[in-house]
Amino acid sequence: MPLKNLLVEVRQVQSSQGQGTDVRGGLAVGVGSNGSVDMQGRIGAQSSQSQQSARVLQQALVLNGRSANINLGRSLPLRLLQTVKLQGVWRTVESAVFLDANTGFAASPRWDGGDGVELVLSAQQTATQVSGSQVVNGTSSASSTVLLPLGEWFTVAHSEQQINANTQGLTGLSNQAGAVDTDLQVRITVR
């Protein structure tokens, strides 16, 4: 492996798609000068769709073959992607891991001087369980290896979260449903 510094850049790309329905109603009551009562009511419905994306960028300079720690800033259930060679063809498969905001994960790039980089991602979490009168601390870990092109953004993990919220107030009912997709992308360049 060449003795070079590698710049590891990490970003979270989020996109949300949703549909919402707002049903609002109102009733106006008026009393005339002759004592007559006048009532007027109205109801309306509105439907909406939205999509947006946000990016958070982190950078770490690391020696080729060494490890850099990356914190995500929030807990997120991610499916790590892994590159494997099956019957002579490179394929990408998924594994599930929960990346904690405080511990994050370690990224270890290995560059042999070509146009591709082997990246080892590893995450480790400590879990506490109470069993009877004993407290048991356990550790779980997950790792994956991906092959990515040098200098290009590449998705190494993916998360999907469903959102469903109903609110009801004096003037109406609101129903919001949708999904938030998060892609964890990495770009590695030689410095």
C-alpha atoms as a PDB file:
ATOM      1  CA  MET A   1       0.000   0.000   0.000  1.00  0.00           C
ATOM      2  CA  PRO A   2       1.338   3.476  -0.850  1.00  0.00           C
ATOM      3  CA  LEU A   3       2.168   5.621   2.174  1.00  0.00           C
ATOM      4  CA  LYS A   4      -0.371   8.390   1.440  1.00  0.00           C
ATOM      5  CA  ASN A   5      -2.967  10.376   3.334  1.00  0.00           C
ATOM      6  CA  LEU A   6      -6.570   9.707   2.366  1.00  0.00           C
ATOM      7  CA  LEU A   7      -9.373  12.206   2.865  1.00  0.00           C
ATOM      8  CA  VAL A   8     -12.569  10.442   3.984  1.00  0.00           C
ATOM      9  CA  GLU A   9     -15.690  12.571   3.487  1.00  0.00           C
ATOM     10  CA  VAL A  10     -19.051  11.415   4.845  1.00  0.00           C
ATOM     11  CA  ARG A  11     -22.463  12.912   4.171  1.00  0.00           C
ATOM     12  CA  GLN A  12     -26.036  11.999   5.021  1.00  0.00           C
ATOM     13  CA  VAL A  13     -28.464  12.595   2.185  1.00  0.00           C
ATOM     14  CA  GLN A  14     -32.091  12.680   3.325  1.00  0.00           C
ATOM     15  CA  SER A  15     -35.169  12.758   1.171  1.00  0.00           C
ATOM     16  CA  SER A  16     -38.730  12.757   2.393  1.00  0.00           C
ATOM     17  CA  GLN A  17     -41.911  12.001   0.547  1.00  0.00           C
ATOM     18  CA  GLY A  18     -45.253  12.468   2.153  1.00  0.00           C
ATOM     19  CA  GLN A  19     -48.877  13.108   1.697  1.00  0.00           C
ATOM     20  CA  GLY A  20     -51.009  15.103   4.018  1.00  0.00           C
ATOM     21  CA  THR A  21     -54.670  15.868   4.229  1.00  0.00           C
ATOM     22  CA  ASP A  22     -56.054  18.768   6.225  1.00  0.00           C
ATOM     23  CA  VAL A  23     -59.788  18.939   6.804  1.00  0.00           C
ATOM     24  CA  ARG A  24     -60.873  22.228   8.339  1.00  0.00           C
ATOM     25  CA  GLY A  25     -64.310  23.465   9.246  1.00  0.00           C
ATOM     26  CA  GLY A  26     -65.866  26.566  10.674  1.00  0.00           C
ATOM     27  CA  LEU A  27     -69.232  27.822  11.839  1.00  0.00           C
ATOM     28  CA  ALA A  28     -70.216  31.455  12.098  1.00  0.00           C
ATOM     29  CA  VAL A  29     -73.311  32.415  14.086  1.00  0.00           C
ATOM     30  CA  GLY A  30     -74.789  35.911  13.856  1.00  0.00           C
ATOM     31  CA  VAL A  31     -77.773  37.504  15.571  1.00  0.00           C
ATOM     32  CA  GLY A  32     -79.644  40.155  13.583  1.00  0.00           C
ATOM     33  CA  SER A  33     -81.171  43.342  14.995  1.00  0.00           C
ATOM     34  CA  ASN A  34     -84.634  41.824  14.654  1.00  0.00           C
ATOM     35  CA  GLY A  35     -83.593  38.763  16.707  1.00  0.00           C
ATOM     36  CA  SER A  36     -83.045  36.432  13.767  1.00  0.00           C
ATOM     37  CA  VAL A  37     -80.205  33.948  13.961  1.00  0.00           C
ATOM     38  CA  ASP A  38     -77.965  33.487  10.919  1.00  0.00           C
ATOM     39  CA  MET A  39     -75.590  30.503  10.742  1.00  0.00           C
ATOM     40  CA  GLN A  40     -72.993  29.922   8.045  1.00  0.00           C
ATOM     41  CA  GLY A  41     -70.700  26.926   7.886  1.00  0.00           C
ATOM     42  CA  ARG A  42     -67.868  25.909   5.652  1.00  0.00           C
ATOM     43  CA  ILE A  43     -65.546  22.956   5.306  1.00  0.00           C
ATOM     44  CA  GLY A  44     -62.391  22.571   3.222  1.00  0.00           C
ATOM     45  CA  ALA A  45     -59.875  19.877   2.471  1.00  0.00           C
ATOM     46  CA  GLN A  46     -56.310  20.216   1.277  1.00  0.00           C
ATOM     47  CA  SER A  47     -53.827  17.569   0.140  1.00  0.00           C
ATOM     48  CA  SER A  48     -50.059  18.073  -0.096  1.00  0.00           C
ATOM     49  CA  GLN A  49     -46.893  16.267  -1.154  1.00  0.00           C
ATOM     50  CA  SER A  50     -43.345  17.223  -0.298  1.00  0.00           C
ATOM     51  CA  GLN A  51     -39.792  16.117  -1.007  1.00  0.00           C
ATOM     52  CA  GLN A  52     -36.587  17.636   0.301  1.00  0.00           C
ATOM     53  CA  SER A  53     -33.010  16.660   0.890  1.00  0.00           C
ATOM     54  CA  ALA A  54     -30.407  17.744   3.421  1.00  0.00           C
ATOM     55  CA  ARG A  55     -26.701  17.035   3.605  1.00  0.00           C
ATOM     56  CA  VAL A  56     -24.383  16.900   6.558  1.00  0.00           C
ATOM     57  CA  LEU A  57     -20.676  16.688   5.753  1.00  0.00           C
ATOM     58  CA  GLN A  58     -17.852  15.325   7.921  1.00  0.00           C
ATOM     59  CA  GLN A  59     -14.216  14.975   6.953  1.00  0.00           C
ATOM     60  CA  ALA A  60     -11.287  12.987   8.352  1.00  0.00           C
ATOM     61  CA  LEU A  61      -7.707  12.793   7.079  1.00  0.00           C
ATOM     62  CA  VAL A  62      -6.255   9.338   7.676  1.00  0.00           C
ATOM     63  CA  LEU A  63      -3.100   7.462   6.694  1.00  0.00           C
ATOM     64  CA  ASN A  64      -3.699   4.731   4.098  1.00  0.00           C
ATOM     65  CA  GLY A  65      -4.789   1.549   5.936  1.00  0.00           C
ATOM     66  CA  ARG A  66      -5.509   3.321   9.238  1.00  0.00           C
ATOM     67  CA  SER A  67      -8.883   4.012  10.830  1.00  0.00           C
ATOM     68  CA  ALA A  68     -10.956   7.181  11.321  1.00  0.00           C
ATOM     69  CA  ASN A  69     -13.920   7.485  13.714  1.00  0.00           C
ATOM     70  CA  ILE A  70     -17.100   9.017  12.298  1.00  0.00           C
ATOM     71  CA  ASN A  71     -19.993  10.219  14.488  1.00  0.00           C
ATOM     72  CA  LEU A  72     -23.415  10.617  12.907  1.00  0.00           C
ATOM     73  CA  GLY A  73     -24.855  13.019  15.478  1.00  0.00           C
ATOM     74  CA  ARG A  74     -27.983  10.889  16.002  1.00  0.00           C
ATOM     75  CA  SER A  75     -29.011   7.283  16.455  1.00  0.00           C
ATOM     76  CA  LEU A  76     -30.037   5.696  13.209  1.00  0.00           C
ATOM     77  CA  PRO A  77     -30.920   2.133  12.159  1.00  0.00           C
ATOM     78  CA  LEU A  78     -28.857   1.605   9.008  1.00  0.00           C
ATOM     79  CA  ARG A  79     -28.467  -1.266   6.595  1.00  0.00           C
ATOM     80  CA  LEU A  80     -24.760  -1.398   5.811  1.00  0.00           C
ATOM     81  CA  LEU A  81     -23.881  -2.342   2.263  1.00  0.00           C
ATOM     82  CA  GLN A  82     -21.201  -4.937   1.626  1.00  0.00           C
ATOM     83  CA  THR A  83     -19.445  -5.809  -1.621  1.00  0.00           C
ATOM     84  CA  VAL A  84     -18.910  -9.517  -2.274  1.00  0.00           C
ATOM     85  CA  LYS A  85     -17.768 -11.490  -5.293  1.00  0.00           C
ATOM     86  CA  LEU A  86     -20.288 -14.192  -6.242  1.00  0.00           C
ATOM     87  CA  GLN A  87     -19.523 -16.469  -9.210  1.00  0.00           C
ATOM     88  CA  GLY A  88     -17.002 -13.947 -10.556  1.00  0.00           C
ATOM     89  CA  VAL A  89     -19.363 -10.947 -10.338  1.00  0.00           C
ATOM     90  CA  TRP A  90     -19.135  -8.171  -7.718  1.00  0.00           C
ATOM     91  CA  ARG A  91     -22.466  -7.708  -5.919  1.00  0.00           C
ATOM     92  CA  THR A  92     -23.703  -5.440  -3.144  1.00  0.00           C
ATOM     93  CA  VAL A  93     -25.666  -6.964  -0.247  1.00  0.00           C
ATOM     94  CA  GLU A  94     -27.158  -5.422   2.911  1.00  0.00           C
ATOM     95  CA  SER A  95     -26.778  -6.100   6.623  1.00  0.00           C
ATOM     96  CA  ALA A  96     -28.706  -4.431   9.461  1.00  0.00           C
ATOM     97  CA  VAL A  97     -26.955  -2.544  12.266  1.00  0.00           C
ATOM     98  CA  PHE A  98     -27.974   0.232  14.658  1.00  0.00           C
ATOM     99  CA  LEU A  99     -25.431   3.039  14.606  1.00  0.00           C
ATOM    100  CA  ASP A 100     -25.445   5.035  17.830  1.00  0.00           C
ATOM    101  CA  ALA A 101     -24.962   8.798  17.784  1.00  0.00           C
ATOM    102  CA  ASN A 102     -22.171   8.780  20.358  1.00  0.00           C
ATOM    103  CA  THR A 103     -20.131   5.843  19.098  1.00  0.00           C
ATOM    104  CA  GLY A 104     -20.751   6.134  15.358  1.00  0.00           C
ATOM    105  CA  PHE A 105     -18.499   3.860  13.329  1.00  0.00           C
ATOM    106  CA  ALA A 106     -14.900   3.400  12.217  1.00  0.00           C
ATOM    107  CA  ALA A 107     -13.892   3.771   8.570  1.00  0.00           C
ATOM    108  CA  SER A 108     -10.654   2.139   7.407  1.00  0.00           C
ATOM    109  CA  PRO A 109      -9.745   2.849   3.771  1.00  0.00           C
ATOM    110  CA  ARG A 110      -7.160   0.710   1.954  1.00  0.00           C
ATOM    111  CA  TRP A 111      -5.862   2.056  -1.343  1.00  0.00           C
ATOM    112  CA  ASP A 112      -3.426   0.024  -3.464  1.00  0.00           C
ATOM    113  CA  GLY A 113      -2.600   2.831  -5.926  1.00  0.00           C
ATOM    114  CA  GLY A 114      -5.365   2.085  -8.454  1.00  0.00           C
ATOM    115  CA  ASP A 115      -8.665   3.792  -9.172  1.00  0.00           C
ATOM    116  CA  GLY A 116     -10.618   1.930  -6.463  1.00  0.00           C
ATOM    117  CA  VAL A 117     -10.582   1.900  -2.662  1.00  0.00           C
ATOM    118  CA  GLU A 118     -11.477  -0.903  -0.275  1.00  0.00           C
ATOM    119  CA  LEU A 119     -13.320   0.568   2.715  1.00  0.00           C
ATOM    120  CA  VAL A 120     -13.931  -1.403   5.914  1.00  0.00           C
ATOM    121  CA  LEU A 121     -16.773  -0.022   8.055  1.00  0.00           C
ATOM    122  CA  SER A 122     -17.131  -1.301  11.612  1.00  0.00           C
ATOM    123  CA  ALA A 123     -19.555  -0.348  14.371  1.00  0.00           C
ATOM    124  CA  GLN A 124     -19.659  -1.454  17.988  1.00  0.00           C
ATOM    125  CA  GLN A 125     -22.348  -0.839  20.612  1.00  0.00           C
ATOM    126  CA  THR A 126     -22.625  -1.668  24.286  1.00  0.00           C
ATOM    127  CA  ALA A 127     -26.004  -2.876  25.522  1.00  0.00           C
ATOM    128  CA  THR A 128     -27.081  -3.212  29.166  1.00  0.00           C
ATOM    129  CA  GLN A 129     -29.620  -5.874  30.167  1.00  0.00           C
ATOM    130  CA  VAL A 130     -31.129  -6.578  33.566  1.00  0.00           C
ATOM    131  CA  SER A 131     -31.547 -10.283  34.288  1.00  0.00           C
ATOM    132  CA  GLY A 132     -33.129 -10.882  37.690  1.00  0.00           C
ATOM    133  CA  SER A 133     -30.885  -9.081  40.146  1.00  0.00           C
ATOM    134  CA  GLN A 134     -27.895  -8.969  37.789  1.00  0.00           C
ATOM    135  CA  VAL A 135     -26.918  -6.273  35.327  1.00  0.00           C
ATOM    136  CA  VAL A 136     -25.271  -7.746  32.247  1.00  0.00           C
ATOM    137  CA  ASN A 137     -23.275  -5.609  29.817  1.00  0.00           C
ATOM    138  CA  GLY A 138     -22.988  -6.963  26.312  1.00  0.00           C
ATOM    139  CA  THR A 139     -21.232  -5.746  23.214  1.00  0.00           C
ATOM    140  CA  SER A 140     -22.389  -6.193  19.657  1.00  0.00           C
ATOM    141  CA  SER A 141     -20.412  -5.363  16.571  1.00  0.00           C
ATOM    142  CA  ALA A 142     -20.892  -5.347  12.823  1.00  0.00           C
ATOM    143  CA  SER A 143     -18.545  -4.729   9.947  1.00  0.00           C
ATOM    144  CA  SER A 144     -18.729  -4.584   6.194  1.00  0.00           C
ATOM    145  CA  THR A 145     -16.317  -4.108   3.329  1.00  0.00           C
ATOM    146  CA  VAL A 146     -17.207  -2.084   0.241  1.00  0.00           C
ATOM    147  CA  LEU A 147     -15.269  -1.357  -2.924  1.00  0.00           C
ATOM    148  CA  LEU A 148     -15.779   2.181  -4.120  1.00  0.00           C
ATOM    149  CA  PRO A 149     -14.356   4.337  -6.892  1.00  0.00           C
ATOM    150  CA  LEU A 150     -11.698   6.861  -5.882  1.00  0.00           C
ATOM    151  CA  GLY A 151     -12.949  10.456  -5.742  1.00  0.00           C
ATOM    152  CA  GLU A 152     -16.680   9.682  -6.187  1.00  0.00           C
ATOM    153  CA  TRP A 153     -19.605   9.693  -3.742  1.00  0.00           C
ATOM    154  CA  PHE A 154     -20.758   6.144  -3.004  1.00  0.00           C
ATOM    155  CA  THR A 155     -23.663   4.969  -0.815  1.00  0.00           C
ATOM    156  CA  VAL A 156     -22.392   2.642   1.939  1.00  0.00           C
ATOM    157  CA  ALA A 157     -25.544   2.439   4.105  1.00  0.00           C
ATOM    158  CA  HIS A 158     -29.269   3.136   3.805  1.00  0.00           C
ATOM    159  CA  SER A 159     -32.162   3.747   6.199  1.00  0.00           C
ATOM    160  CA  GLU A 160     -35.924   4.068   5.689  1.00  0.00           C
ATOM    161  CA  GLN A 161     -38.273   5.442   8.334  1.00  0.00           C
ATOM    162  CA  GLN A 162     -42.058   5.603   8.041  1.00  0.00           C
ATOM    163  CA  ILE A 163     -43.913   8.613   9.452  1.00  0.00           C
ATOM    164  CA  ASN A 164     -47.615   8.662  10.288  1.00  0.00           C
ATOM    165  CA  ALA A 165     -49.152  11.450  12.360  1.00  0.00           C
ATOM    166  CA  ASN A 166     -52.775  12.372  13.011  1.00  0.00           C
ATOM    167  CA  THR A 167     -53.790  15.543  14.839  1.00  0.00           C
ATOM    168  CA  GLN A 168     -57.242  16.737  15.702  1.00  0.00           C
ATOM    169  CA  GLY A 169     -58.157  20.192  16.887  1.00  0.00           C
ATOM    170  CA  LEU A 170     -61.175  22.431  17.286  1.00  0.00           C
ATOM    171  CA  THR A 171     -61.168  23.456  13.656  1.00  0.00           C
ATOM    172  CA  GLY A 172     -60.330  20.211  11.942  1.00  0.00           C
ATOM    173  CA  LEU A 173     -58.345  17.056  11.386  1.00  0.00           C
ATOM    174  CA  SER A 174     -54.839  16.698   9.911  1.00  0.00           C
ATOM    175  CA  ASN A 175     -53.323  13.445   8.657  1.00  0.00           C
ATOM    176  CA  GLN A 176     -49.651  13.313   7.580  1.00  0.00           C
ATOM    177  CA  ALA A 177     -48.015  10.137   6.260  1.00  0.00           C
ATOM    178  CA  GLY A 178     -44.774   9.531   4.454  1.00  0.00           C
ATOM    179  CA  ALA A 179     -41.266   8.158   4.496  1.00  0.00           C
ATOM    180  CA  VAL A 180     -37.820   9.579   5.186  1.00  0.00           C
ATOM    181  CA  ASP A 181     -34.942   7.905   3.367  1.00  0.00           C
ATOM    182  CA  THR A 182     -31.363   8.474   4.528  1.00  0.00           C
ATOM    183  CA  ASP A 183     -28.335   7.466   2.477  1.00  0.00           C
ATOM    184  CA  LEU A 184     -24.921   7.467   4.123  1.00  0.00           C
ATOM    185  CA  GLN A 185     -22.414   8.317   1.403  1.00  0.00           C
ATOM    186  CA  VAL A 186     -18.611   8.293   1.439  1.00  0.00           C
ATOM    187  CA  ARG A 187     -16.049   9.842  -0.886  1.00  0.00           C
ATOM    188  CA  ILE A 188     -12.325   9.096  -0.604  1.00  0.00           C
ATOM    189  CA  THR A 189      -9.587  11.126  -2.270  1.00  0.00           C
ATOM    190  CA  VAL A 190      -5.793  10.932  -2.097  1.00  0.00           C
ATOM    191  CA  ARG A 191      -3.992  13.907  -0.484  1.00  0.00           C
END
